[in-house]
């Protein structure tokens, strides 16, 4: 199967994604998915202590749109 940039391919979470890059040896591709994907949990500072030197206390889930995945073929 010959893949080209711009073709539709499935992202690791099963959504339709667009191929944006193909390696020269065609063993790795990059796909961009327009859906929201969970990125990580990030600690954020409280609004009251944002100006002080305290460590962040709250955690928040971050979802990213248009995430790019590298996929081994």
N, C-alpha and C. Protein backbone atom coordinates (compact mmCIF):
# COMPACT_ATOMS: atom_id res chain seq x y z
N UNK A 1 0.84 -1.18 0.00
CA UNK A 1 0.00 0.00 0.00
C UNK A 1 0.89 1.25 0.00
N UNK A 2 0.73 2.06 -0.99
CA UNK A 2 1.53 3.28 -1.13
C UNK A 2 0.83 4.43 -0.40
N UNK A 3 1.49 4.99 0.60
CA UNK A 3 0.94 6.11 1.36
C UNK A 3 1.52 7.42 0.85
N UNK A 4 0.70 8.46 0.87
CA UNK A 4 1.14 9.79 0.47
C UNK A 4 0.70 10.80 1.51
N UNK A 5 1.41 11.92 1.59
CA UNK A 5 1.02 13.00 2.48
C UNK A 5 -0.35 13.50 2.06
N UNK A 6 -1.24 13.64 3.03
CA UNK A 6 -2.61 14.06 2.75
C UNK A 6 -3.61 12.92 2.78
N UNK A 7 -3.13 11.67 2.74
CA UNK A 7 -4.03 10.52 2.82
C UNK A 7 -4.61 10.40 4.22
N UNK A 8 -5.74 9.72 4.32
CA UNK A 8 -6.38 9.47 5.61
C UNK A 8 -5.81 8.18 6.19
N UNK A 9 -5.47 8.22 7.49
CA UNK A 9 -4.92 7.07 8.20
C UNK A 9 -5.50 7.09 9.61
N UNK A 10 -5.56 5.96 10.25
CA UNK A 10 -6.13 5.87 11.59
C UNK A 10 -5.10 6.24 12.65
N UNK A 11 -5.47 7.14 13.57
CA UNK A 11 -4.57 7.50 14.67
C UNK A 11 -4.59 6.37 15.70
N UNK A 12 -3.68 6.37 16.68
CA UNK A 12 -3.64 5.29 17.68
C UNK A 12 -4.92 5.12 18.49
N UNK A 13 -5.77 6.15 18.55
CA UNK A 13 -7.01 6.03 19.30
C UNK A 13 -8.21 5.74 18.41
N UNK A 14 -7.98 5.45 17.12
CA UNK A 14 -9.04 5.00 16.24
C UNK A 14 -9.76 6.08 15.46
N UNK A 15 -9.32 7.32 15.52
CA UNK A 15 -9.95 8.39 14.76
C UNK A 15 -9.32 8.51 13.37
N UNK A 16 -10.04 9.15 12.46
CA UNK A 16 -9.47 9.42 11.14
C UNK A 16 -8.50 10.59 11.25
N UNK A 17 -7.27 10.38 10.80
CA UNK A 17 -6.23 11.41 10.86
C UNK A 17 -5.62 11.58 9.48
N UNK A 18 -4.92 12.69 9.29
CA UNK A 18 -4.29 12.99 8.01
C UNK A 18 -2.79 12.78 8.11
N UNK A 19 -2.21 12.13 7.12
CA UNK A 19 -0.76 11.93 7.10
C UNK A 19 -0.10 13.27 6.75
N UNK A 20 0.82 13.72 7.62
CA UNK A 20 1.50 14.99 7.39
C UNK A 20 2.98 14.83 7.09
N UNK A 21 3.54 13.62 7.31
CA UNK A 21 4.97 13.40 7.08
C UNK A 21 5.21 11.91 6.91
N UNK A 22 6.13 11.56 6.01
CA UNK A 22 6.55 10.18 5.80
C UNK A 22 8.08 10.17 5.77
N UNK A 23 8.70 9.27 6.54
CA UNK A 23 10.16 9.21 6.56
C UNK A 23 10.68 8.72 5.21
N UNK A 24 11.96 8.98 4.95
CA UNK A 24 12.55 8.60 3.67
C UNK A 24 12.52 7.09 3.44
N UNK A 25 12.73 6.32 4.52
CA UNK A 25 12.71 4.86 4.38
C UNK A 25 11.29 4.28 4.48
N UNK A 26 10.30 5.16 4.65
CA UNK A 26 8.88 4.79 4.72
C UNK A 26 8.55 3.84 5.87
N UNK A 27 9.34 3.90 6.94
CA UNK A 27 9.08 3.06 8.10
C UNK A 27 8.35 3.80 9.21
N UNK A 28 8.29 5.13 9.11
CA UNK A 28 7.63 5.94 10.13
C UNK A 28 6.79 7.01 9.42
N UNK A 29 5.57 7.22 9.93
CA UNK A 29 4.74 8.30 9.41
C UNK A 29 4.27 9.16 10.58
N UNK A 30 3.91 10.40 10.29
CA UNK A 30 3.31 11.29 11.27
C UNK A 30 1.90 11.60 10.80
N UNK A 31 0.94 11.44 11.72
CA UNK A 31 -0.45 11.75 11.39
C UNK A 31 -0.97 12.81 12.36
N UNK A 32 -1.79 13.72 11.85
CA UNK A 32 -2.40 14.77 12.67
C UNK A 32 -3.88 14.45 12.80
N UNK A 33 -4.33 14.34 14.04
CA UNK A 33 -5.72 14.01 14.32
C UNK A 33 -6.47 15.25 14.79
N UNK A 34 -7.62 15.57 14.19
CA UNK A 34 -8.36 16.78 14.58
C UNK A 34 -9.16 16.63 15.87
N UNK A 35 -9.25 15.43 16.42
CA UNK A 35 -10.01 15.22 17.66
C UNK A 35 -9.18 15.61 18.87
N UNK A 36 -9.86 15.76 20.02
CA UNK A 36 -9.15 16.08 21.26
C UNK A 36 -8.58 14.79 21.85
N UNK A 37 -7.33 14.87 22.28
CA UNK A 37 -6.65 13.73 22.90
C UNK A 37 -6.11 14.15 24.25
N UNK A 38 -6.16 13.24 25.20
CA UNK A 38 -5.62 13.50 26.53
C UNK A 38 -4.12 13.58 26.44
N UNK A 39 -3.54 14.67 26.92
CA UNK A 39 -2.11 14.86 26.85
C UNK A 39 -1.42 14.43 28.14
N UNK A 40 -1.75 15.08 29.25
CA UNK A 40 -1.13 14.73 30.53
C UNK A 40 -1.83 15.49 31.64
N UNK A 41 -1.47 15.19 32.85
CA UNK A 41 -1.97 15.94 34.00
C UNK A 41 -0.90 16.95 34.36
N UNK A 42 -1.31 18.21 34.46
CA UNK A 42 -0.36 19.29 34.73
C UNK A 42 -0.71 19.93 36.05
N UNK A 43 0.30 20.21 36.85
CA UNK A 43 0.08 20.92 38.10
C UNK A 43 0.07 22.41 37.81
N UNK A 44 -0.95 23.10 38.30
CA UNK A 44 -1.07 24.54 38.08
C UNK A 44 -1.12 25.24 39.42
N UNK A 45 -0.66 26.48 39.44
CA UNK A 45 -0.62 27.24 40.68
C UNK A 45 -2.00 27.76 41.03
N UNK A 46 -2.28 27.90 42.32
CA UNK A 46 -3.49 28.56 42.78
C UNK A 46 -3.41 30.03 42.37
N UNK A 47 -4.55 30.64 42.18
CA UNK A 47 -4.53 32.06 41.79
C UNK A 47 -4.00 32.93 42.92
N UNK A 48 -4.24 32.55 44.15
CA UNK A 48 -3.76 33.35 45.29
C UNK A 48 -2.25 33.24 45.45
N UNK A 49 -1.68 32.07 45.17
CA UNK A 49 -0.24 31.87 45.41
C UNK A 49 0.57 31.94 44.12
N UNK A 50 -0.02 32.43 43.03
CA UNK A 50 0.68 32.46 41.76
C UNK A 50 1.91 33.38 41.81
N UNK A 51 1.82 34.43 42.58
CA UNK A 51 2.94 35.37 42.65
C UNK A 51 3.97 34.96 43.70
N UNK A 52 3.62 34.07 44.59
CA UNK A 52 4.57 33.64 45.62
C UNK A 52 5.42 32.50 45.09
N UNK A 53 6.32 32.03 45.88
CA UNK A 53 7.25 30.97 45.45
C UNK A 53 6.81 29.59 45.90
N UNK A 54 5.53 29.41 46.12
CA UNK A 54 5.01 28.10 46.52
C UNK A 54 4.93 27.19 45.30
N UNK A 55 5.01 25.90 45.55
CA UNK A 55 4.86 24.93 44.47
C UNK A 55 3.38 24.85 44.06
N UNK A 56 3.11 24.55 42.80
CA UNK A 56 1.72 24.40 42.36
C UNK A 56 1.01 23.31 43.15
N UNK A 57 -0.28 23.50 43.41
CA UNK A 57 -1.01 22.57 44.25
C UNK A 57 -2.09 21.80 43.51
N UNK A 58 -2.71 22.40 42.50
CA UNK A 58 -3.82 21.76 41.81
C UNK A 58 -3.33 20.99 40.60
N UNK A 59 -4.09 19.96 40.23
CA UNK A 59 -3.79 19.21 39.02
C UNK A 59 -4.95 19.38 38.05
N UNK A 60 -4.63 19.44 36.76
CA UNK A 60 -5.65 19.64 35.74
C UNK A 60 -5.32 18.77 34.55
N UNK A 61 -6.34 18.15 33.97
CA UNK A 61 -6.14 17.34 32.77
C UNK A 61 -6.10 18.26 31.57
N UNK A 62 -5.18 18.00 30.66
CA UNK A 62 -5.02 18.82 29.46
C UNK A 62 -5.40 17.96 28.25
N UNK A 63 -6.29 18.48 27.42
CA UNK A 63 -6.66 17.82 26.18
C UNK A 63 -6.16 18.66 25.03
N UNK A 64 -5.55 18.01 24.04
CA UNK A 64 -4.92 18.71 22.94
C UNK A 64 -5.65 18.37 21.64
N UNK A 65 -5.96 19.40 20.85
CA UNK A 65 -6.53 19.19 19.52
C UNK A 65 -5.40 19.20 18.50
N UNK A 66 -5.61 18.55 17.39
CA UNK A 66 -4.64 18.48 16.29
C UNK A 66 -3.30 17.90 16.73
N UNK A 67 -3.35 16.91 17.59
CA UNK A 67 -2.13 16.26 18.05
C UNK A 67 -1.51 15.46 16.91
N UNK A 68 -0.17 15.45 16.86
CA UNK A 68 0.55 14.69 15.83
C UNK A 68 1.13 13.45 16.49
N UNK A 69 0.88 12.30 15.88
CA UNK A 69 1.40 11.01 16.35
C UNK A 69 2.42 10.49 15.36
N UNK A 70 3.50 9.92 15.87
CA UNK A 70 4.45 9.20 15.03
C UNK A 70 4.09 7.72 15.10
N UNK A 71 3.97 7.08 13.95
CA UNK A 71 3.56 5.68 13.90
C UNK A 71 4.57 4.89 13.10
N UNK A 72 5.09 3.79 13.72
CA UNK A 72 5.99 2.87 13.03
C UNK A 72 5.18 1.99 12.12
N UNK A 73 5.65 1.81 10.91
CA UNK A 73 4.96 0.94 9.95
C UNK A 73 5.55 -0.46 9.99
